[in-house]
Amino acid sequence: MAIDYEKLMAREFPVVTQPYDMRDVMLYALSIGLGADPMDEKQLPFVYEENLQVFPTMAAIMAYPGLWIREPDTGLDWEHGLHAEQGVEFLAPIPVEGVITAQTRVTGIVDKGEGKGALIYTERTGVDAATGKAYFRVTHTTFARRDGGYAGPSDPVRAPYPIPERAPEMVCDLPTMPQQALLYRLNGDPNPHNADPKAAAVAGFPRPILHGLCTFGIAGHAILRSCCDYDTRRLGALYVRLSAPVYPGETIRTEIWREPGTKTAAFRCKVLERDVVVLNNGRAEFSQT
């Protein structure tokens, strides 16, 4: 079954409603490594009831539409789909408990050609179920490796954010725990590739891998720590391209380049143990300098 461009662009996704509470907020922060240093009081507001705050990148997992590419009406070969890019625009601080709703929509499809795959761009805005207030906007790119050459219209490829050739101005090293994927999956992402060695081997990995959105959250931690002194009000948006998996227990180094005269920074993440870039073409936007 091939992609039907018009049908996929017009696909109506169900509205996802997600209630959450303080325990969910603390679990998410713990699962991306906040609280690793028990004496770091700047991390405490994300993992402790007193003055609790939502860590901003939690937006990436809220009102998530699930593995929708598995649905037969999409025309996609879901077993060969990859999470390629992730972005979140932070519109307002998320309350520490409540109900979030969001409806995903397809915003673009790129036909890279026969044997080269296709890119599917989607977006969802998380709003308060009671008031309609918008808290975040999430963008997601799926690389459908087996679905190029569908002989239909094609939208333009969105250019990646460039990484400067000069040395980074800031570097932040954050370790991951060997059991980090087992903890992170309790947020509602039960993919067996992140837990079961046998399932990981079938997918071509020597051992279970860390969730891409967990790596995204760790990058957000590095940016908030290095550029915002843990002040969530200063972080406006994060965008990245996922380039390689992380194995739990590895150390993630985030390299950051501030853009002179702007409220933006470029960044990328690599694992020190293998010197492999795992997140690339990162862009951070700040509401304040």
C-alpha atoms as a PDB file:
ATOM      1  CA  MET A   1       0.000   0.000   0.000  1.00  0.00           C
ATOM      2  CA  ALA A   2       1.475   3.350  -1.054  1.00  0.00           C
ATOM      3  CA  ILE A   3       1.086   6.809   0.454  1.00  0.00           C
ATOM      4  CA  ASP A   4      -1.968   8.709  -0.746  1.00  0.00           C
ATOM      5  CA  TYR A   5      -0.750  12.298  -0.336  1.00  0.00           C
ATOM      6  CA  GLU A   6      -4.148  14.014  -0.222  1.00  0.00           C
ATOM      7  CA  LYS A   7      -5.643  11.411   2.106  1.00  0.00           C
ATOM      8  CA  LEU A   8      -2.720  11.479   4.537  1.00  0.00           C
ATOM      9  CA  MET A   9      -2.585  15.283   4.586  1.00  0.00           C
ATOM     10  CA  ALA A  10      -6.308  15.378   5.410  1.00  0.00           C
ATOM     11  CA  ARG A  11      -6.204  12.515   7.947  1.00  0.00           C
ATOM     12  CA  GLU A  12      -8.248  13.304  11.046  1.00  0.00           C
ATOM     13  CA  PHE A  13      -6.534  12.175  14.228  1.00  0.00           C
ATOM     14  CA  PRO A  14      -8.471  11.536  17.423  1.00  0.00           C
ATOM     15  CA  VAL A  15      -8.235  14.078  20.215  1.00  0.00           C
ATOM     16  CA  VAL A  16      -5.975  12.702  22.956  1.00  0.00           C
ATOM     17  CA  THR A  17      -6.848  13.608  26.541  1.00  0.00           C
ATOM     18  CA  GLN A  18      -4.229  13.119  29.245  1.00  0.00           C
ATOM     19  CA  PRO A  19      -4.853  13.691  32.936  1.00  0.00           C
ATOM     20  CA  TYR A  20      -1.660  13.972  34.992  1.00  0.00           C
ATOM     21  CA  ASP A  21      -0.609  14.862  38.513  1.00  0.00           C
ATOM     22  CA  MET A  22       2.436  15.747  40.607  1.00  0.00           C
ATOM     23  CA  ARG A  23       3.707  12.158  40.660  1.00  0.00           C
ATOM     24  CA  ASP A  24       3.793  12.092  36.834  1.00  0.00           C
ATOM     25  CA  VAL A  25       5.683  15.396  36.818  1.00  0.00           C
ATOM     26  CA  MET A  26       8.316  14.133  39.263  1.00  0.00           C
ATOM     27  CA  LEU A  27       8.632  10.752  37.530  1.00  0.00           C
ATOM     28  CA  TYR A  28       9.349  12.424  34.196  1.00  0.00           C
ATOM     29  CA  ALA A  29      12.048  14.662  35.679  1.00  0.00           C
ATOM     30  CA  LEU A  30      13.670  11.739  37.494  1.00  0.00           C
ATOM     31  CA  SER A  31      13.558   9.635  34.333  1.00  0.00           C
ATOM     32  CA  ILE A  32      15.671  12.153  32.389  1.00  0.00           C
ATOM     33  CA  GLY A  33      18.225  12.453  35.196  1.00  0.00           C
ATOM     34  CA  LEU A  34      17.086  15.407  37.302  1.00  0.00           C
ATOM     35  CA  GLY A  35      17.963  14.957  40.960  1.00  0.00           C
ATOM     36  CA  ALA A  36      21.123  12.941  40.286  1.00  0.00           C
ATOM     37  CA  ASP A  37      23.037  15.326  42.534  1.00  0.00           C
ATOM     38  CA  PRO A  38      21.157  15.384  45.878  1.00  0.00           C
ATOM     39  CA  MET A  39      22.907  18.640  46.858  1.00  0.00           C
ATOM     40  CA  ASP A  40      21.923  20.572  43.720  1.00  0.00           C
ATOM     41  CA  GLU A  41      19.041  22.694  44.973  1.00  0.00           C
ATOM     42  CA  LYS A  42      18.366  24.131  41.510  1.00  0.00           C
ATOM     43  CA  GLN A  43      17.176  20.702  40.310  1.00  0.00           C
ATOM     44  CA  LEU A  44      15.017  20.101  43.380  1.00  0.00           C
ATOM     45  CA  PRO A  45      11.924  22.037  42.143  1.00  0.00           C
ATOM     46  CA  PHE A  46      11.468  19.446  39.378  1.00  0.00           C
ATOM     47  CA  VAL A  47      11.583  16.356  41.632  1.00  0.00           C
ATOM     48  CA  TYR A  48      10.214  17.518  44.995  1.00  0.00           C
ATOM     49  CA  GLU A  49       6.693  18.522  46.021  1.00  0.00           C
ATOM     50  CA  GLU A  50       7.676  21.870  47.527  1.00  0.00           C
ATOM     51  CA  ASN A  51       7.571  24.559  44.802  1.00  0.00           C
ATOM     52  CA  LEU A  52       7.224  21.824  42.167  1.00  0.00           C
ATOM     53  CA  GLN A  53       7.570  22.792  38.492  1.00  0.00           C
ATOM     54  CA  VAL A  54       7.036  20.844  35.260  1.00  0.00           C
ATOM     55  CA  PHE A  55      10.307  20.292  33.427  1.00  0.00           C
ATOM     56  CA  PRO A  56       9.619  21.894  30.017  1.00  0.00           C
ATOM     57  CA  THR A  57      10.475  18.930  27.761  1.00  0.00           C
ATOM     58  CA  MET A  58       7.731  16.881  29.407  1.00  0.00           C
ATOM     59  CA  ALA A  59       5.543  18.564  26.785  1.00  0.00           C
ATOM     60  CA  ALA A  60       7.036  16.180  24.199  1.00  0.00           C
ATOM     61  CA  ILE A  61       5.260  13.193  25.773  1.00  0.00           C
ATOM     62  CA  MET A  62       1.963  14.835  26.768  1.00  0.00           C
ATOM     63  CA  ALA A  63      -1.210  13.934  24.841  1.00  0.00           C
ATOM     64  CA  TYR A  64       1.014  11.828  22.581  1.00  0.00           C
ATOM     65  CA  PRO A  65      -0.894  10.221  19.664  1.00  0.00           C
ATOM     66  CA  GLY A  66       0.899   6.861  19.970  1.00  0.00           C
ATOM     67  CA  LEU A  67       2.310   4.834  17.089  1.00  0.00           C
ATOM     68  CA  TRP A  68      -0.285   6.105  14.624  1.00  0.00           C
ATOM     69  CA  ILE A  69       1.790   5.067  11.588  1.00  0.00           C
ATOM     70  CA  ARG A  70       0.714   1.472  12.358  1.00  0.00           C
ATOM     71  CA  GLU A  71      -2.851   2.284  11.329  1.00  0.00           C
ATOM     72  CA  PRO A  72      -3.714   0.697   7.929  1.00  0.00           C
ATOM     73  CA  ASP A  73      -5.301   3.884   6.545  1.00  0.00           C
ATOM     74  CA  THR A  74      -1.934   5.727   6.594  1.00  0.00           C
ATOM     75  CA  GLY A  75      -0.448   3.632   3.780  1.00  0.00           C
ATOM     76  CA  LEU A  76       2.903   3.559   5.626  1.00  0.00           C
ATOM     77  CA  ASP A  77       5.266   0.629   6.173  1.00  0.00           C
ATOM     78  CA  TRP A  78       5.365   1.304   9.908  1.00  0.00           C
ATOM     79  CA  GLU A  79       8.007  -1.323  10.743  1.00  0.00           C
ATOM     80  CA  HIS A  80      10.563   0.753   8.824  1.00  0.00           C
ATOM     81  CA  GLY A  81       9.544   4.147  10.215  1.00  0.00           C
ATOM     82  CA  LEU A  82      12.067   6.128  12.266  1.00  0.00           C
ATOM     83  CA  HIS A  83      11.716   9.099  14.594  1.00  0.00           C
ATOM     84  CA  ALA A  84      13.846  11.643  12.731  1.00  0.00           C
ATOM     85  CA  GLU A  85      13.234  15.094  14.230  1.00  0.00           C
ATOM     86  CA  GLN A  86      11.626  16.563  17.326  1.00  0.00           C
ATOM     87  CA  GLY A  87      10.681  20.074  18.335  1.00  0.00           C
ATOM     88  CA  VAL A  88       8.768  21.770  21.133  1.00  0.00           C
ATOM     89  CA  GLU A  89       7.702  25.391  21.398  1.00  0.00           C
ATOM     90  CA  PHE A  90       6.997  26.344  25.009  1.00  0.00           C
ATOM     91  CA  LEU A  91       4.008  28.700  24.978  1.00  0.00           C
ATOM     92  CA  ALA A  92       3.279  28.946  28.731  1.00  0.00           C
ATOM     93  CA  PRO A  93       4.331  27.183  31.961  1.00  0.00           C
ATOM     94  CA  ILE A  94       2.505  23.861  32.320  1.00  0.00           C
ATOM     95  CA  PRO A  95       0.615  23.431  35.634  1.00  0.00           C
ATOM     96  CA  VAL A  96       1.838  20.611  37.899  1.00  0.00           C
ATOM     97  CA  GLU A  97      -1.499  18.813  37.604  1.00  0.00           C
ATOM     98  CA  GLY A  98      -4.441  18.965  35.279  1.00  0.00           C
ATOM     99  CA  VAL A  99      -5.778  17.595  31.996  1.00  0.00           C
ATOM    100  CA  ILE A 100      -4.116  18.271  28.646  1.00  0.00           C
ATOM    101  CA  THR A 101      -5.742  17.658  25.263  1.00  0.00           C
ATOM    102  CA  ALA A 102      -4.159  17.721  21.811  1.00  0.00           C
ATOM    103  CA  GLN A 103      -5.003  16.692  18.278  1.00  0.00           C
ATOM    104  CA  THR A 104      -2.219  15.762  15.881  1.00  0.00           C
ATOM    105  CA  ARG A 105      -2.295  16.861  12.241  1.00  0.00           C
ATOM    106  CA  VAL A 106      -0.038  16.167   9.269  1.00  0.00           C
ATOM    107  CA  THR A 107       1.606  19.399   8.102  1.00  0.00           C
ATOM    108  CA  GLY A 108       3.780  18.129   5.252  1.00  0.00           C
ATOM    109  CA  ILE A 109       4.957  15.070   3.288  1.00  0.00           C
ATOM    110  CA  VAL A 110       8.235  14.916   1.384  1.00  0.00           C
ATOM    111  CA  ASP A 111       8.824  12.264  -1.273  1.00  0.00           C
ATOM    112  CA  LYS A 112      12.582  11.703  -1.341  1.00  0.00           C
ATOM    113  CA  GLY A 113      12.201   9.259  -4.245  1.00  0.00           C
ATOM    114  CA  GLU A 114      12.030   5.535  -4.930  1.00  0.00           C
ATOM    115  CA  GLY A 115      14.254   3.677  -2.471  1.00  0.00           C
ATOM    116  CA  LYS A 116      14.999   6.916  -0.544  1.00  0.00           C
ATOM    117  CA  GLY A 117      11.965   7.097   1.703  1.00  0.00           C
ATOM    118  CA  ALA A 118       9.574   9.869   2.676  1.00  0.00           C
ATOM    119  CA  LEU A 119       9.365  12.429   5.471  1.00  0.00           C
ATOM    120  CA  ILE A 120       6.097  12.930   7.340  1.00  0.00           C
ATOM    121  CA  TYR A 121       5.796  16.179   9.319  1.00  0.00           C
ATOM    122  CA  THR A 122       3.216  16.351  12.123  1.00  0.00           C
ATOM    123  CA  GLU A 123       2.242  18.899  14.760  1.00  0.00           C
ATOM    124  CA  ARG A 124       0.051  19.070  17.854  1.00  0.00           C
ATOM    125  CA  THR A 125      -0.773  21.836  20.331  1.00  0.00           C
ATOM    126  CA  GLY A 126      -1.350  20.927  23.958  1.00  0.00           C
ATOM    127  CA  VAL A 127      -4.159  22.884  25.601  1.00  0.00           C
ATOM    128  CA  ASP A 128      -5.808  22.914  29.009  1.00  0.00           C
ATOM    129  CA  ALA A 129      -8.963  20.804  28.782  1.00  0.00           C
ATOM    130  CA  ALA A 130     -10.845  23.153  31.101  1.00  0.00           C
ATOM    131  CA  THR A 131      -9.774  26.575  29.836  1.00  0.00           C
ATOM    132  CA  GLY A 132      -8.444  26.000  26.314  1.00  0.00           C
ATOM    133  CA  LYS A 133      -5.175  27.743  27.194  1.00  0.00           C
ATOM    134  CA  ALA A 134      -2.295  26.567  24.965  1.00  0.00           C
ATOM    135  CA  TYR A 135       0.833  25.412  26.801  1.00  0.00           C
ATOM    136  CA  PHE A 136       3.028  23.965  24.063  1.00  0.00           C
ATOM    137  CA  ARG A 137       3.329  23.084  20.382  1.00  0.00           C
ATOM    138  CA  VAL A 138       5.101  19.850  19.418  1.00  0.00           C
ATOM    139  CA  THR A 139       6.534  19.087  15.966  1.00  0.00           C
ATOM    140  CA  HIS A 140       7.624  15.613  14.932  1.00  0.00           C
ATOM    141  CA  THR A 141       9.207  14.192  11.782  1.00  0.00           C
ATOM    142  CA  THR A 142       8.907  10.537  10.831  1.00  0.00           C
ATOM    143  CA  PHE A 143      11.327   9.090   8.281  1.00  0.00           C
ATOM    144  CA  ALA A 144       9.346   6.434   6.416  1.00  0.00           C
ATOM    145  CA  ARG A 145      12.273   4.502   4.946  1.00  0.00           C
ATOM    146  CA  ARG A 146      10.239   2.289   2.593  1.00  0.00           C
ATOM    147  CA  ASP A 147       7.636   4.796   1.395  1.00  0.00           C
ATOM    148  CA  GLY A 148       9.377   7.050  -1.117  1.00  0.00           C
ATOM    149  CA  GLY A 149       8.415   7.185  -4.786  1.00  0.00           C
ATOM    150  CA  TYR A 150       4.636   7.280  -4.291  1.00  0.00           C
ATOM    151  CA  ALA A 151       4.173   9.365  -7.475  1.00  0.00           C
ATOM    152  CA  GLY A 152       2.217  12.108  -5.762  1.00  0.00           C
ATOM    153  CA  PRO A 153       2.827  15.722  -4.721  1.00  0.00           C
ATOM    154  CA  SER A 154       5.801  16.498  -2.542  1.00  0.00           C
ATOM    155  CA  ASP A 155       6.368  19.328  -0.086  1.00  0.00           C
ATOM    156  CA  PRO A 156       9.819  20.911   0.247  1.00  0.00           C
ATOM    157  CA  VAL A 157      12.345  19.484   2.698  1.00  0.00           C
ATOM    158  CA  ARG A 158      12.759  21.661   5.769  1.00  0.00           C
ATOM    159  CA  ALA A 159      16.402  22.610   6.083  1.00  0.00           C
ATOM    160  CA  PRO A 160      18.242  21.525   9.248  1.00  0.00           C
ATOM    161  CA  TYR A 161      19.642  24.178  11.562  1.00  0.00           C
ATOM    162  CA  PRO A 162      23.395  24.539  10.866  1.00  0.00           C
ATOM    163  CA  ILE A 163      26.062  23.761  13.457  1.00  0.00           C
ATOM    164  CA  PRO A 164      28.944  26.295  13.551  1.00  0.00           C
ATOM    165  CA  GLU A 165      32.414  25.071  12.621  1.00  0.00           C
ATOM    166  CA  ARG A 166      34.053  26.900  15.527  1.00  0.00           C
ATOM    167  CA  ALA A 167      34.571  25.375  18.967  1.00  0.00           C
ATOM    168  CA  PRO A 168      31.487  25.431  21.208  1.00  0.00           C
ATOM    169  CA  GLU A 169      31.165  28.172  23.807  1.00  0.00           C
ATOM    170  CA  MET A 170      29.677  25.800  26.385  1.00  0.00           C
ATOM    171  CA  VAL A 171      29.858  22.062  27.054  1.00  0.00           C
ATOM    172  CA  CYS A 172      27.631  20.122  29.467  1.00  0.00           C
ATOM    173  CA  ASP A 173      28.257  16.456  30.301  1.00  0.00           C
ATOM    174  CA  LEU A 174      25.343  14.502  31.803  1.00  0.00           C
ATOM    175  CA  PRO A 175      25.625  10.782  32.601  1.00  0.00           C
ATOM    176  CA  THR A 176      22.828   8.302  32.007  1.00  0.00           C
ATOM    177  CA  MET A 177      22.080   5.370  34.284  1.00  0.00           C
ATOM    178  CA  PRO A 178      22.242   1.720  33.116  1.00  0.00           C
ATOM    179  CA  GLN A 179      18.568   1.385  34.112  1.00  0.00           C
ATOM    180  CA  GLN A 180      17.493   4.732  32.639  1.00  0.00           C
ATOM    181  CA  ALA A 181      15.384   3.282  29.801  1.00  0.00           C
ATOM    182  CA  LEU A 182      13.545   1.020  32.263  1.00  0.00           C
ATOM    183  CA  LEU A 183      12.683   4.081  34.319  1.00  0.00           C
ATOM    184  CA  TYR A 184      11.821   6.318  31.370  1.00  0.00           C
ATOM    185  CA  ARG A 185       9.407   3.783  29.860  1.00  0.00           C
ATOM    186  CA  LEU A 186       7.135   4.263  32.896  1.00  0.00           C
ATOM    187  CA  ASN A 187       6.135   7.592  31.315  1.00  0.00           C
ATOM    188  CA  GLY A 188       4.072   5.544  28.853  1.00  0.00           C
ATOM    189  CA  ASP A 189       6.543   4.448  26.146  1.00  0.00           C
ATOM    190  CA  PRO A 190       6.705   0.635  26.438  1.00  0.00           C
ATOM    191  CA  ASN A 191       8.705  -0.099  23.248  1.00  0.00           C
ATOM    192  CA  PRO A 192      10.461  -3.450  23.872  1.00  0.00           C
ATOM    193  CA  HIS A 193      13.624  -2.213  22.100  1.00  0.00           C
ATOM    194  CA  ASN A 194      14.257  -0.139  25.216  1.00  0.00           C
ATOM    195  CA  ALA A 195      13.933  -3.002  27.700  1.00  0.00           C
ATOM    196  CA  ASP A 196      14.225  -6.484  26.195  1.00  0.00           C
ATOM    197  CA  PRO A 197      17.683  -7.588  24.952  1.00  0.00           C
ATOM    198  CA  LYS A 198      16.068 -10.069  22.548  1.00  0.00           C
ATOM    199  CA  ALA A 199      13.813  -7.437  20.993  1.00  0.00           C
ATOM    200  CA  ALA A 200      16.762  -5.053  20.711  1.00  0.00           C
ATOM    201  CA  ALA A 201      18.802  -7.735  18.929  1.00  0.00           C
ATOM    202  CA  VAL A 202      16.019  -8.338  16.395  1.00  0.00           C
ATOM    203  CA  ALA A 203      16.085  -4.609  15.620  1.00  0.00           C
ATOM    204  CA  GLY A 204      19.857  -4.759  15.091  1.00  0.00           C
ATOM    205  CA  PHE A 205      21.032  -3.323  18.413  1.00  0.00           C
ATOM    206  CA  PRO A 206      23.580  -5.123  20.625  1.00  0.00           C
ATOM    207  CA  ARG A 207      21.584  -4.176  23.737  1.00  0.00           C
ATOM    208  CA  PRO A 208      18.477  -2.140  24.645  1.00  0.00           C
ATOM    209  CA  ILE A 209      18.657   1.508  23.631  1.00  0.00           C
ATOM    210  CA  LEU A 210      17.531   4.698  25.324  1.00  0.00           C
ATOM    211  CA  HIS A 211      14.322   6.314  24.099  1.00  0.00           C
ATOM    212  CA  GLY A 212      14.988   9.145  21.666  1.00  0.00           C
ATOM    213  CA  LEU A 213      12.671  11.410  23.651  1.00  0.00           C
ATOM    214  CA  CYS A 214      14.667  10.643  26.797  1.00  0.00           C
ATOM    215  CA  THR A 215      17.806  11.842  24.999  1.00  0.00           C
ATOM    216  CA  PHE A 216      15.804  14.909  23.913  1.00  0.00           C
ATOM    217  CA  GLY A 217      14.910  15.567  27.553  1.00  0.00           C
ATOM    218  CA  ILE A 218      18.552  15.250  28.626  1.00  0.00           C
ATOM    219  CA  ALA A 219      19.521  17.778  25.942  1.00  0.00           C
ATOM    220  CA  GLY A 220      16.827  20.086  27.318  1.00  0.00           C
ATOM    221  CA  HIS A 221      18.350  19.670  30.776  1.00  0.00           C
ATOM    222  CA  ALA A 222      21.781  20.643  29.422  1.00  0.00           C
ATOM    223  CA  ILE A 223      20.359  23.746  27.713  1.00  0.00           C
ATOM    224  CA  LEU A 224      18.291  24.839  30.710  1.00  0.00           C
ATOM    225  CA  ARG A 225      21.290  24.346  33.003  1.00  0.00           C
ATOM    226  CA  SER A 226      23.905  25.981  30.787  1.00  0.00           C
ATOM    227  CA  CYS A 227      21.929  28.842  29.240  1.00  0.00           C
ATOM    228  CA  CYS A 228      19.017  29.553  31.587  1.00  0.00           C
ATOM    229  CA  ASP A 229      20.300  28.744  35.107  1.00  0.00           C
ATOM    230  CA  TYR A 230      17.262  26.424  35.458  1.00  0.00           C
ATOM    231  CA  ASP A 231      14.820  29.295  34.886  1.00  0.00           C
ATOM    232  CA  THR A 232      12.141  27.633  32.735  1.00  0.00           C
ATOM    233  CA  ARG A 233      10.633  31.023  31.781  1.00  0.00           C
ATOM    234  CA  ARG A 234      13.718  31.766  29.671  1.00  0.00           C
ATOM    235  CA  LEU A 235      13.407  28.702  27.407  1.00  0.00           C
ATOM    236  CA  GLY A 236      11.263  29.363  24.345  1.00  0.00           C
ATOM    237  CA  ALA A 237      11.770  26.335  22.061  1.00  0.00           C
ATOM    238  CA  LEU A 238      13.968  23.336  21.283  1.00  0.00           C
ATOM    239  CA  TYR A 239      14.403  21.603  17.916  1.00  0.00           C
ATOM    240  CA  VAL A 240      16.704  18.656  17.096  1.00  0.00           C
ATOM    241  CA  ARG A 241      17.447  15.982  14.543  1.00  0.00           C
ATOM    242  CA  LEU A 242      17.827  12.450  15.984  1.00  0.00           C
ATOM    243  CA  SER A 243      20.914  10.873  14.437  1.00  0.00           C
ATOM    244  CA  ALA A 244      21.957   7.819  16.487  1.00  0.00           C
ATOM    245  CA  PRO A 245      20.819   5.829  19.548  1.00  0.00           C
ATOM    246  CA  VAL A 246      22.191   6.134  23.068  1.00  0.00           C
ATOM    247  CA  TYR A 247      22.863   3.062  25.195  1.00  0.00           C
ATOM    248  CA  PRO A 248      21.855   3.473  28.850  1.00  0.00           C
ATOM    249  CA  GLY A 249      24.907   4.109  30.992  1.00  0.00           C
ATOM    250  CA  GLU A 250      26.661   6.318  28.451  1.00  0.00           C
ATOM    251  CA  THR A 251      27.544   9.976  29.062  1.00  0.00           C
ATOM    252  CA  ILE A 252      25.862  12.577  26.855  1.00  0.00           C
ATOM    253  CA  ARG A 253      27.889  15.679  26.062  1.00  0.00           C
ATOM    254  CA  THR A 254      25.906  18.695  24.830  1.00  0.00           C
ATOM    255  CA  GLU A 255      27.955  21.218  22.864  1.00  0.00           C
ATOM    256  CA  ILE A 256      26.396  24.697  22.681  1.00  0.00           C
ATOM    257  CA  TRP A 257      27.050  27.698  20.451  1.00  0.00           C
ATOM    258  CA  ARG A 258      25.367  30.992  21.375  1.00  0.00           C
ATOM    259  CA  GLU A 259      24.448  33.099  18.370  1.00  0.00           C
ATOM    260  CA  PRO A 260      25.761  36.674  18.917  1.00  0.00           C
ATOM    261  CA  GLY A 261      23.079  39.349  18.952  1.00  0.00           C
ATOM    262  CA  THR A 262      20.203  36.823  18.975  1.00  0.00           C
ATOM    263  CA  LYS A 263      18.096  34.865  21.446  1.00  0.00           C
ATOM    264  CA  THR A 264      19.125  31.539  19.917  1.00  0.00           C
ATOM    265  CA  ALA A 265      21.791  28.877  20.298  1.00  0.00           C
ATOM    266  CA  ALA A 266      22.909  25.941  18.178  1.00  0.00           C
ATOM    267  CA  PHE A 267      23.670  22.632  19.892  1.00  0.00           C
ATOM    268  CA  ARG A 268      24.377  18.962  19.330  1.00  0.00           C
ATOM    269  CA  CYS A 269      24.793  15.942  21.602  1.00  0.00           C
ATOM    270  CA  LYS A 270      27.318  13.124  21.423  1.00  0.00           C
ATOM    271  CA  VAL A 271      28.121  10.129  23.610  1.00  0.00           C
ATOM    272  CA  LEU A 272      31.632  10.326  24.977  1.00  0.00           C
ATOM    273  CA  GLU A 273      32.229   6.586  25.145  1.00  0.00           C
ATOM    274  CA  ARG A 274      31.818   6.101  21.377  1.00  0.00           C
ATOM    275  CA  ASP A 275      32.337   9.687  20.117  1.00  0.00           C
ATOM    276  CA  VAL A 276      29.053   9.437  18.169  1.00  0.00           C
ATOM    277  CA  VAL A 277      26.684  12.346  17.543  1.00  0.00           C
ATOM    278  CA  VAL A 278      23.232  11.261  18.763  1.00  0.00           C
ATOM    279  CA  LEU A 279      21.325  14.558  18.388  1.00  0.00           C
ATOM    280  CA  ASN A 280      22.337  16.990  15.674  1.00  0.00           C
ATOM    281  CA  ASN A 281      21.348  20.358  14.178  1.00  0.00           C
ATOM    282  CA  GLY A 282      19.870  21.473  17.482  1.00  0.00           C
ATOM    283  CA  ARG A 283      18.332  24.923  17.886  1.00  0.00           C
ATOM    284  CA  ALA A 284      17.363  26.507  21.184  1.00  0.00           C
ATOM    285  CA  GLU A 285      15.316  29.693  21.342  1.00  0.00           C
ATOM    286  CA  PHE A 286      15.121  31.875  24.429  1.00  0.00           C
ATOM    287  CA  SER A 287      12.448  34.278  25.570  1.00  0.00           C
ATOM    288  CA  GLN A 288      15.138  36.278  27.379  1.00  0.00           C
ATOM    289  CA  THR A 289      18.906  36.625  26.837  1.00  0.00           C
END
